[in-house]
C-alpha cells in the first residue's frame, strides 16, 4: 500500500464521516430501529439501526475504493 492509496483512504473516510454527521444533524440522529429506554435518571441508548446503516455504507465505499 503506497502513500497514494493511504491518501485516498483518508479522504474517502473523512467524507464518509462528514456525510454521517450531516445525516445526524438533519435527521435528529435516531432511526426507527434504534432502542432507547430508561428509568428514573438512567437512560440507555442502543443505536442498532444506525450502526447497521453506517456499516453498509462503509462496506460499499471501501469495496469501491479497493476494487482493482
C-alpha atoms as a PDB file:
ATOM      1  CA  UNK A   1       0.000   0.000   0.000  1.00  0.00           C
ATOM      2  CA  UNK A   2       1.666   3.214  -1.118  1.00  0.00           C
ATOM      3  CA  UNK A   3       1.011   6.778   0.024  1.00  0.00           C
ATOM      4  CA  UNK A   4      -1.440   7.404  -2.823  1.00  0.00           C
ATOM      5  CA  UNK A   5      -3.717   4.632  -1.541  1.00  0.00           C
ATOM      6  CA  UNK A   6      -3.438   5.853   2.055  1.00  0.00           C
ATOM      7  CA  UNK A   7      -4.303   9.390   0.977  1.00  0.00           C
ATOM      8  CA  UNK A   8      -7.333   8.177  -0.949  1.00  0.00           C
ATOM      9  CA  UNK A   9      -8.457   6.078   2.021  1.00  0.00           C
ATOM     10  CA  UNK A  10      -8.174   9.037   4.399  1.00  0.00           C
ATOM     11  CA  UNK A  11     -10.044  11.319   2.002  1.00  0.00           C
ATOM     12  CA  UNK A  12     -12.908   8.883   1.474  1.00  0.00           C
ATOM     13  CA  UNK A  13     -13.034   8.072   5.186  1.00  0.00           C
ATOM     14  CA  UNK A  14     -13.295  11.768   6.018  1.00  0.00           C
ATOM     15  CA  UNK A  15     -16.080  12.254   3.500  1.00  0.00           C
ATOM     16  CA  UNK A  16     -17.993   9.291   4.939  1.00  0.00           C
ATOM     17  CA  UNK A  17     -17.652  10.676   8.473  1.00  0.00           C
ATOM     18  CA  UNK A  18     -18.830  14.105   7.274  1.00  0.00           C
ATOM     19  CA  UNK A  19     -21.811  12.571   5.467  1.00  0.00           C
ATOM     20  CA  UNK A  20     -22.831  10.556   8.528  1.00  0.00           C
ATOM     21  CA  UNK A  21     -22.516  13.693  10.656  1.00  0.00           C
ATOM     22  CA  UNK A  22     -24.729  15.626   8.243  1.00  0.00           C
ATOM     23  CA  UNK A  23     -27.360  12.881   8.368  1.00  0.00           C
ATOM     24  CA  UNK A  24     -27.348  13.040  12.161  1.00  0.00           C
ATOM     25  CA  UNK A  25     -27.721  16.824  12.122  1.00  0.00           C
ATOM     26  CA  UNK A  26     -30.548  16.804   9.604  1.00  0.00           C
ATOM     27  CA  UNK A  27     -32.351  13.686  10.790  1.00  0.00           C
ATOM     28  CA  UNK A  28     -32.056  14.061  14.536  1.00  0.00           C
ATOM     29  CA  UNK A  29     -29.673  11.105  14.787  1.00  0.00           C
ATOM     30  CA  UNK A  30     -32.217   8.394  15.541  1.00  0.00           C
ATOM     31  CA  UNK A  31     -33.510   5.789  13.154  1.00  0.00           C
ATOM     32  CA  UNK A  32     -36.634   3.677  13.736  1.00  0.00           C
ATOM     33  CA  UNK A  33     -34.574   0.614  14.741  1.00  0.00           C
ATOM     34  CA  UNK A  34     -32.620   2.411  17.467  1.00  0.00           C
ATOM     35  CA  UNK A  35     -33.528   1.406  21.004  1.00  0.00           C
ATOM     36  CA  UNK A  36     -33.874   3.883  23.841  1.00  0.00           C
ATOM     37  CA  UNK A  37     -35.185   3.135  27.298  1.00  0.00           C
ATOM     38  CA  UNK A  38     -34.700   4.348  30.806  1.00  0.00           C
ATOM     39  CA  UNK A  39     -35.950   4.550  34.333  1.00  0.00           C
ATOM     40  CA  UNK A  40     -35.526   7.457  36.672  1.00  0.00           C
ATOM     41  CA  UNK A  41     -32.259   9.265  35.966  1.00  0.00           C
ATOM     42  CA  UNK A  42     -30.735   6.376  33.991  1.00  0.00           C
ATOM     43  CA  UNK A  43     -31.100   6.248  30.201  1.00  0.00           C
ATOM     44  CA  UNK A  44     -29.748   3.625  27.793  1.00  0.00           C
ATOM     45  CA  UNK A  45     -29.488   4.232  24.055  1.00  0.00           C
ATOM     46  CA  UNK A  46     -28.604   1.351  21.705  1.00  0.00           C
ATOM     47  CA  UNK A  47     -28.190   2.546  18.078  1.00  0.00           C
ATOM     48  CA  UNK A  48     -28.764  -0.768  16.265  1.00  0.00           C
ATOM     49  CA  UNK A  49     -30.196   0.644  13.027  1.00  0.00           C
ATOM     50  CA  UNK A  50     -27.646   3.462  12.907  1.00  0.00           C
ATOM     51  CA  UNK A  51     -24.755   1.008  13.261  1.00  0.00           C
ATOM     52  CA  UNK A  52     -26.226  -1.171  10.527  1.00  0.00           C
ATOM     53  CA  UNK A  53     -26.564   1.751   8.105  1.00  0.00           C
ATOM     54  CA  UNK A  54     -23.042   3.025   8.823  1.00  0.00           C
ATOM     55  CA  UNK A  55     -21.638  -0.486   8.354  1.00  0.00           C
ATOM     56  CA  UNK A  56     -23.378  -0.963   5.000  1.00  0.00           C
ATOM     57  CA  UNK A  57     -22.241   2.431   3.697  1.00  0.00           C
ATOM     58  CA  UNK A  58     -18.665   1.855   4.866  1.00  0.00           C
ATOM     59  CA  UNK A  59     -18.598  -1.594   3.249  1.00  0.00           C
ATOM     60  CA  UNK A  60     -19.799  -0.228  -0.090  1.00  0.00           C
ATOM     61  CA  UNK A  61     -17.356   2.683  -0.030  1.00  0.00           C
ATOM     62  CA  UNK A  62     -14.370   0.521   0.919  1.00  0.00           C
ATOM     63  CA  UNK A  63     -15.237  -2.092  -1.700  1.00  0.00           C
ATOM     64  CA  UNK A  64     -15.423   0.602  -4.371  1.00  0.00           C
ATOM     65  CA  UNK A  65     -12.191   2.151  -3.115  1.00  0.00           C
ATOM     66  CA  UNK A  66     -10.120  -1.032  -3.104  1.00  0.00           C
ATOM     67  CA  UNK A  67     -11.555  -2.631  -6.248  1.00  0.00           C
ATOM     68  CA  UNK A  68      -8.867  -3.017  -8.872  1.00  0.00           C
END
